[in-house]
């Protein structure tokens, strides 16, 4: 199965076009990795069921310390002795876009998203909690939180399902829950699979605690989770009108099989055929993470689930794996207890060999960004989260991420075209979702998010062509939308369009509302001419906008005056 899919990926790059680069067929918009595949079942006895059988992939446990050490020390050391040529992402269709898959679904990149949809995030309306109408004692705590830095517990809520409730730290009350719900909404709108996150205020009397529970943080020994531990936790969380504030994370569907890796493939998933570090959605995710300062974007904050048609038997075969992003609580200016580390977050890895080498050579004399950052007066919730010191293409997460490290200009520009869909109105709505007690926190967050987004768009929409949504209208016009002009990256007068084509000379360009630009093409073939994918039917249109340093090149096949032109593929060449 994997060899067959790899062959299909390879063949997709051969076919019609004057350069032989694009087949004359519709672009691939849906990856086959969402199809159920049969897998081998095996015996896996449990204490409750000695005859238990499972068909699901083996759950992967990601050691926190090992992942950090591997990516900060061993992987960089190994790669320094290996020749690893840079190449573009492999899961890109003929229109320079990423198809829908078990990793990513095109949303904001292809259609507007309303505020109601944005605010729902990954939640189905049936998952929304209403603590005011809930009956005391009906929220049953059946499990302590097994990992992570924030304390919490799992509850089963009648008619709603299972939720992990997480507490707030005293150092940044309201911040983790706000960052979680905002971050999840951003990832979901952009196209990723995230978890349903909510901020809830509720009466402690709703909770009932089962006996014999245990809990454990990232570091430390397991502890009893009893009534005293619960009361101590609730006593420390923010409160409003006698109600306690916590973050509610809905349990993901399917059988959970652990985090996904940012490198390699999953051997026991027949659908997983492209190395994760070569997936554009994982590489380009670096720019999204930079926007919201999600420095904790690592494999532990992800989760794969095995989905089967037989919901009553989640470990059955056939099935398929779906990949989710989890826990964005460490974004929007989260901080460590060690201020020297907090200052460096987003600017340098915890162990950054490049910075260490530069400091050794320069004796540490140059001023670094973390030397300049300052806390916003009166805004302790956001630590050093700002616009002034933000440089999008220099942003770094906590420690090297294999996919982020391989991001190319094309990957970053792809993500920027998606993020351009977050309008100022949507950004303000995201800030309001934090449900901050102080309105000043909401205003500050909206200003910083908008400012950082503007810097991303200025950086990544002014080099490679930002023209997108390219299509053929009628029989002889190719049109697209300049997302940079639409988003106001430059004044409209700065955009001066010039179109040329492979048959020689220039073509007329017409500008329309909504930053739309169209080029009319003369026909070069008859309806009864050569076969449709013949090279003589092919033309390449080169469109420059006067702002981006590189053009858009569209390959089209002329099927004649009756059938018209068909778009075969797009390229954004980079010198």
Foldseek 3Di string as FASTA:
>chain_A
DLVVVVVVLVCQQADFALVRGFHPDDKAAEAPQQDWDFADKDADADPVGHRDIFRAPAFDDDQPVVQQCCQFPVVVVVVVPDDDDFDAFSQAIQALHHHDYLFWHAALLPDADDLVLLQQQLHDVQQDDDQVPADFAQWEFDAWAAEADWGWTWTQHPSRGIKIKTAAALQQALQLLLQFSLVSSLCRNLTGAAWGKAKDWHAPRNYDYDPDYWYDYSDDDIDGDDPVNVVVRQVRHDHDPNTGIIMITHDDAFAWRAFDACAQFDPRFSSTNGTNLSHLVSQLVLLVCLLQLQLVPGRNQKIKHWPDPPSVRRRHDGTGIHIYGHRSSCTQADADPDVLLSLCRFQAAPNHPVVVVVCVVVVVPDDGSSNVFDDDPPQSNRHRQAQPSRQSVRTHHHGDGSNNVSRDLSSNLNSLSSLLSCALVNLLSSLVSSVDPDVVSSVRSSVRSVSSNLNSCLVNCQAFPQWDPWFDDQFFKIKTARSCCLSCNDDPVQWDKWKDKPVDDTFDWDADPRRMIMTGHDAQDALPGDPQSDNSQKMWMWMGTNGHNWTKIWIWGQNHNVRHIGTRRIDRDHD
